[in-house]
Amino acid sequence: MKINLIQSSFVNLLCAALLAVAASGFAAENNASAEKAATSAAQTWLAVIDQGDYAQSWQEASAFFRSAVTGDKWKTSLETVRKPLGKLTSRKVKNAQSATSLPGAPDGQYVVVQFDTAFANKPSAVETVTFMLEKDGQWKAAGYYIK
């Protein structure tokens, strides 16, 4: 069962981006530090969502993300889709892939991180988060998808 948080081309972009990143096979040493930093940022951002502070998660997302979805729509989407999954019971990094371009997104530095996640009401899920490096040097969320 797939659960889309945002019914728009934005989610389609993320799915296409994930396929593009997986196919490109970016695994160079210089990406390892970016992947580590982005994964850490993703875990911190997901913790905000886990606490139910959906508005704060939108505030902490990238400018690209905030321009693609309003804060109200993001909050409503998470209340509709994420909240019913229940409390987080476990989350483990499955993989992280770096990219410099993604379909429909501006060129930049991206890391797509997948987590094997278990929730109280959904014991087996895969969360995919796309993080991008902002101009200020901070890794920020550019997308979120659960299946």
C-alpha atoms as a PDB file:
ATOM      1  CA  MET A   1       0.000   0.000   0.000  1.00  0.00           C
ATOM      2  CA  LYS A   2       1.401   3.392  -0.969  1.00  0.00           C
ATOM      3  CA  ILE A   3       0.608   6.463   1.068  1.00  0.00           C
ATOM      4  CA  ASN A   4       1.116   9.800  -0.665  1.00  0.00           C
ATOM      5  CA  LEU A   5       1.435  12.780   1.637  1.00  0.00           C
ATOM      6  CA  ILE A   6       1.060  15.380  -1.068  1.00  0.00           C
ATOM      7  CA  GLN A   7      -1.185  14.678  -4.045  1.00  0.00           C
ATOM      8  CA  SER A   8       0.794  16.654  -6.591  1.00  0.00           C
ATOM      9  CA  SER A   9       3.569  16.503  -9.099  1.00  0.00           C
ATOM     10  CA  PHE A  10       5.886  17.123  -6.150  1.00  0.00           C
ATOM     11  CA  VAL A  11       5.450  13.523  -4.968  1.00  0.00           C
ATOM     12  CA  ASN A  12       5.886  12.280  -8.530  1.00  0.00           C
ATOM     13  CA  LEU A  13       9.114  14.282  -8.662  1.00  0.00           C
ATOM     14  CA  LEU A  14      10.394  12.541  -5.561  1.00  0.00           C
ATOM     15  CA  CYS A  15       9.560   9.088  -6.915  1.00  0.00           C
ATOM     16  CA  ALA A  16      11.309   9.882 -10.172  1.00  0.00           C
ATOM     17  CA  ALA A  17      14.205  11.377  -8.226  1.00  0.00           C
ATOM     18  CA  LEU A  18      14.623   8.243  -6.179  1.00  0.00           C
ATOM     19  CA  LEU A  19      14.769   6.122  -9.334  1.00  0.00           C
ATOM     20  CA  ALA A  20      17.231   8.511 -10.948  1.00  0.00           C
ATOM     21  CA  VAL A  21      19.491   8.499  -7.900  1.00  0.00           C
ATOM     22  CA  ALA A  22      19.383   4.720  -7.575  1.00  0.00           C
ATOM     23  CA  ALA A  23      20.176   4.282 -11.270  1.00  0.00           C
ATOM     24  CA  SER A  24      23.060   6.760 -11.247  1.00  0.00           C
ATOM     25  CA  GLY A  25      24.954   4.943  -8.489  1.00  0.00           C
ATOM     26  CA  PHE A  26      26.649   7.893  -6.809  1.00  0.00           C
ATOM     27  CA  ALA A  27      28.899   6.291  -4.208  1.00  0.00           C
ATOM     28  CA  ALA A  28      32.108   8.317  -4.365  1.00  0.00           C
ATOM     29  CA  GLU A  29      34.087   8.992  -1.199  1.00  0.00           C
ATOM     30  CA  ASN A  30      33.402  12.723  -1.350  1.00  0.00           C
ATOM     31  CA  ASN A  31      29.670  11.957  -1.052  1.00  0.00           C
ATOM     32  CA  ALA A  32      30.084   9.962   2.163  1.00  0.00           C
ATOM     33  CA  SER A  33      30.304  13.045   4.378  1.00  0.00           C
ATOM     34  CA  ALA A  34      27.330  14.661   2.633  1.00  0.00           C
ATOM     35  CA  GLU A  35      25.302  11.482   3.046  1.00  0.00           C
ATOM     36  CA  LYS A  36      26.205  11.283   6.731  1.00  0.00           C
ATOM     37  CA  ALA A  37      25.305  14.929   7.368  1.00  0.00           C
ATOM     38  CA  ALA A  38      22.036  14.718   5.416  1.00  0.00           C
ATOM     39  CA  THR A  39      21.057  11.462   7.143  1.00  0.00           C
ATOM     40  CA  SER A  40      21.627  13.048  10.533  1.00  0.00           C
ATOM     41  CA  ALA A  41      19.541  16.076   9.503  1.00  0.00           C
ATOM     42  CA  ALA A  42      16.813  13.742   8.220  1.00  0.00           C
ATOM     43  CA  GLN A  43      16.674  11.884  11.535  1.00  0.00           C
ATOM     44  CA  THR A  44      16.375  15.166  13.421  1.00  0.00           C
ATOM     45  CA  TRP A  45      13.631  16.417  11.089  1.00  0.00           C
ATOM     46  CA  LEU A  46      11.710  13.146  11.282  1.00  0.00           C
ATOM     47  CA  ALA A  47      11.848  13.353  15.092  1.00  0.00           C
ATOM     48  CA  VAL A  48       9.933  16.648  14.852  1.00  0.00           C
ATOM     49  CA  ILE A  49       7.269  14.874  12.797  1.00  0.00           C
ATOM     50  CA  ASP A  50       7.249  11.957  15.245  1.00  0.00           C
ATOM     51  CA  GLN A  51       6.456  14.438  18.025  1.00  0.00           C
ATOM     52  CA  GLY A  52       3.454  15.638  16.031  1.00  0.00           C
ATOM     53  CA  ASP A  53       4.879  19.126  15.464  1.00  0.00           C
ATOM     54  CA  TYR A  54       3.914  19.225  11.802  1.00  0.00           C
ATOM     55  CA  ALA A  55       3.973  23.015  11.530  1.00  0.00           C
ATOM     56  CA  GLN A  56       7.528  23.089  12.872  1.00  0.00           C
ATOM     57  CA  SER A  57       8.613  20.411  10.377  1.00  0.00           C
ATOM     58  CA  TRP A  58       7.344  22.646   7.562  1.00  0.00           C
ATOM     59  CA  GLN A  59       9.231  25.624   9.019  1.00  0.00           C
ATOM     60  CA  GLU A  60      12.429  23.573   9.139  1.00  0.00           C
ATOM     61  CA  ALA A  61      12.088  22.304   5.554  1.00  0.00           C
ATOM     62  CA  SER A  62      13.918  23.734   2.547  1.00  0.00           C
ATOM     63  CA  ALA A  63      12.735  26.815   0.689  1.00  0.00           C
ATOM     64  CA  PHE A  64      12.065  24.515  -2.286  1.00  0.00           C
ATOM     65  CA  PHE A  65       9.755  22.356  -0.158  1.00  0.00           C
ATOM     66  CA  ARG A  66       7.938  25.348   1.369  1.00  0.00           C
ATOM     67  CA  SER A  67       7.361  26.778  -2.111  1.00  0.00           C
ATOM     68  CA  ALA A  68       5.865  23.449  -3.297  1.00  0.00           C
ATOM     69  CA  VAL A  69       3.364  22.978  -0.464  1.00  0.00           C
ATOM     70  CA  THR A  70       1.764  25.401   1.963  1.00  0.00           C
ATOM     71  CA  GLY A  71       2.197  24.939   5.692  1.00  0.00           C
ATOM     72  CA  ASP A  72      -1.526  24.292   6.094  1.00  0.00           C
ATOM     73  CA  LYS A  73      -1.606  21.650   3.366  1.00  0.00           C
ATOM     74  CA  TRP A  74       1.476  19.967   4.836  1.00  0.00           C
ATOM     75  CA  LYS A  75      -0.066  19.888   8.301  1.00  0.00           C
ATOM     76  CA  THR A  76      -3.353  18.512   6.949  1.00  0.00           C
ATOM     77  CA  SER A  77      -1.528  15.851   4.920  1.00  0.00           C
ATOM     78  CA  LEU A  78       0.448  14.649   7.912  1.00  0.00           C
ATOM     79  CA  GLU A  79      -2.622  14.637  10.149  1.00  0.00           C
ATOM     80  CA  THR A  80      -4.460  12.586   7.533  1.00  0.00           C
ATOM     81  CA  VAL A  81      -1.706  10.135   6.643  1.00  0.00           C
ATOM     82  CA  ARG A  82       1.121  10.095   9.201  1.00  0.00           C
ATOM     83  CA  LYS A  83      -0.793  10.509  12.455  1.00  0.00           C
ATOM     84  CA  PRO A  84      -2.950   7.362  11.953  1.00  0.00           C
ATOM     85  CA  LEU A  85       0.216   5.259  11.676  1.00  0.00           C
ATOM     86  CA  GLY A  86       0.703   5.776  15.395  1.00  0.00           C
ATOM     87  CA  LYS A  87       3.790   6.103  17.500  1.00  0.00           C
ATOM     88  CA  LEU A  88       7.179   5.331  15.987  1.00  0.00           C
ATOM     89  CA  THR A  89       8.509   2.011  17.248  1.00  0.00           C
ATOM     90  CA  SER A  90      11.714   1.801  15.196  1.00  0.00           C
ATOM     91  CA  ARG A  91      13.561   3.501  12.355  1.00  0.00           C
ATOM     92  CA  LYS A  92      16.727   2.212  10.725  1.00  0.00           C
ATOM     93  CA  VAL A  93      18.667   3.719   7.833  1.00  0.00           C
ATOM     94  CA  LYS A  94      18.252   1.509   4.790  1.00  0.00           C
ATOM     95  CA  ASN A  95      20.373   3.532   2.348  1.00  0.00           C
ATOM     96  CA  ALA A  96      21.459   7.030   1.353  1.00  0.00           C
ATOM     97  CA  GLN A  97      22.321   8.206  -2.149  1.00  0.00           C
ATOM     98  CA  SER A  98      23.797  11.524  -3.277  1.00  0.00           C
ATOM     99  CA  ALA A  99      22.888  13.419  -6.442  1.00  0.00           C
ATOM    100  CA  THR A 100      23.549  16.808  -7.986  1.00  0.00           C
ATOM    101  CA  SER A 101      20.421  16.923 -10.113  1.00  0.00           C
ATOM    102  CA  LEU A 102      16.918  15.525  -9.792  1.00  0.00           C
ATOM    103  CA  PRO A 103      14.056  15.696 -12.295  1.00  0.00           C
ATOM    104  CA  GLY A 104      12.022  18.870 -11.888  1.00  0.00           C
ATOM    105  CA  ALA A 105      14.301  20.306  -9.210  1.00  0.00           C
ATOM    106  CA  PRO A 106      17.032  22.907  -9.495  1.00  0.00           C
ATOM    107  CA  ASP A 107      20.583  21.575  -9.730  1.00  0.00           C
ATOM    108  CA  GLY A 108      22.214  21.347  -6.340  1.00  0.00           C
ATOM    109  CA  GLN A 109      23.431  18.869  -3.785  1.00  0.00           C
ATOM    110  CA  TYR A 110      20.845  16.274  -2.722  1.00  0.00           C
ATOM    111  CA  VAL A 111      20.770  13.133  -0.608  1.00  0.00           C
ATOM    112  CA  VAL A 112      17.866  10.682  -0.781  1.00  0.00           C
ATOM    113  CA  VAL A 113      17.628   8.634   2.420  1.00  0.00           C
ATOM    114  CA  GLN A 114      15.433   5.591   2.908  1.00  0.00           C
ATOM    115  CA  PHE A 115      14.517   4.240   6.327  1.00  0.00           C
ATOM    116  CA  ASP A 116      12.987   0.912   7.286  1.00  0.00           C
ATOM    117  CA  THR A 117      10.415   2.134   9.777  1.00  0.00           C
ATOM    118  CA  ALA A 118       7.873   0.556  12.086  1.00  0.00           C
ATOM    119  CA  PHE A 119       4.908   2.372  13.585  1.00  0.00           C
ATOM    120  CA  ALA A 120       2.406   1.138  16.148  1.00  0.00           C
ATOM    121  CA  ASN A 121      -0.286   0.798  13.455  1.00  0.00           C
ATOM    122  CA  LYS A 122       1.996  -0.049  10.509  1.00  0.00           C
ATOM    123  CA  PRO A 123       4.792  -2.402  11.507  1.00  0.00           C
ATOM    124  CA  SER A 124       6.558  -2.339   8.136  1.00  0.00           C
ATOM    125  CA  ALA A 125       7.040   0.878   6.197  1.00  0.00           C
ATOM    126  CA  VAL A 126       9.697   2.574   4.113  1.00  0.00           C
ATOM    127  CA  GLU A 127      10.143   6.291   4.617  1.00  0.00           C
ATOM    128  CA  THR A 128      11.969   8.160   1.868  1.00  0.00           C
ATOM    129  CA  VAL A 129      13.228  11.651   2.554  1.00  0.00           C
ATOM    130  CA  THR A 130      15.047  13.881   0.117  1.00  0.00           C
ATOM    131  CA  PHE A 131      17.344  16.467   1.654  1.00  0.00           C
ATOM    132  CA  MET A 132      19.052  19.302  -0.143  1.00  0.00           C
ATOM    133  CA  LEU A 133      21.973  21.509   0.794  1.00  0.00           C
ATOM    134  CA  GLU A 134      20.720  25.080   1.216  1.00  0.00           C
ATOM    135  CA  LYS A 135      22.777  28.163   0.382  1.00  0.00           C
ATOM    136  CA  ASP A 136      23.514  28.608   4.102  1.00  0.00           C
ATOM    137  CA  GLY A 137      25.204  25.187   4.210  1.00  0.00           C
ATOM    138  CA  GLN A 138      22.363  23.466   6.090  1.00  0.00           C
ATOM    139  CA  TRP A 139      20.735  20.223   4.955  1.00  0.00           C
ATOM    140  CA  LYS A 140      16.959  20.718   4.729  1.00  0.00           C
ATOM    141  CA  ALA A 141      14.040  18.518   3.777  1.00  0.00           C
ATOM    142  CA  ALA A 142      12.931  18.718   0.144  1.00  0.00           C
ATOM    143  CA  GLY A 143      10.479  15.817   0.213  1.00  0.00           C
ATOM    144  CA  TYR A 144       8.898  13.051   2.263  1.00  0.00           C
ATOM    145  CA  TYR A 145       7.175   9.858   1.159  1.00  0.00           C
ATOM    146  CA  ILE A 146       5.918   6.774   3.020  1.00  0.00           C
ATOM    147  CA  LYS A 147       5.040   3.410   1.526  1.00  0.00           C
END
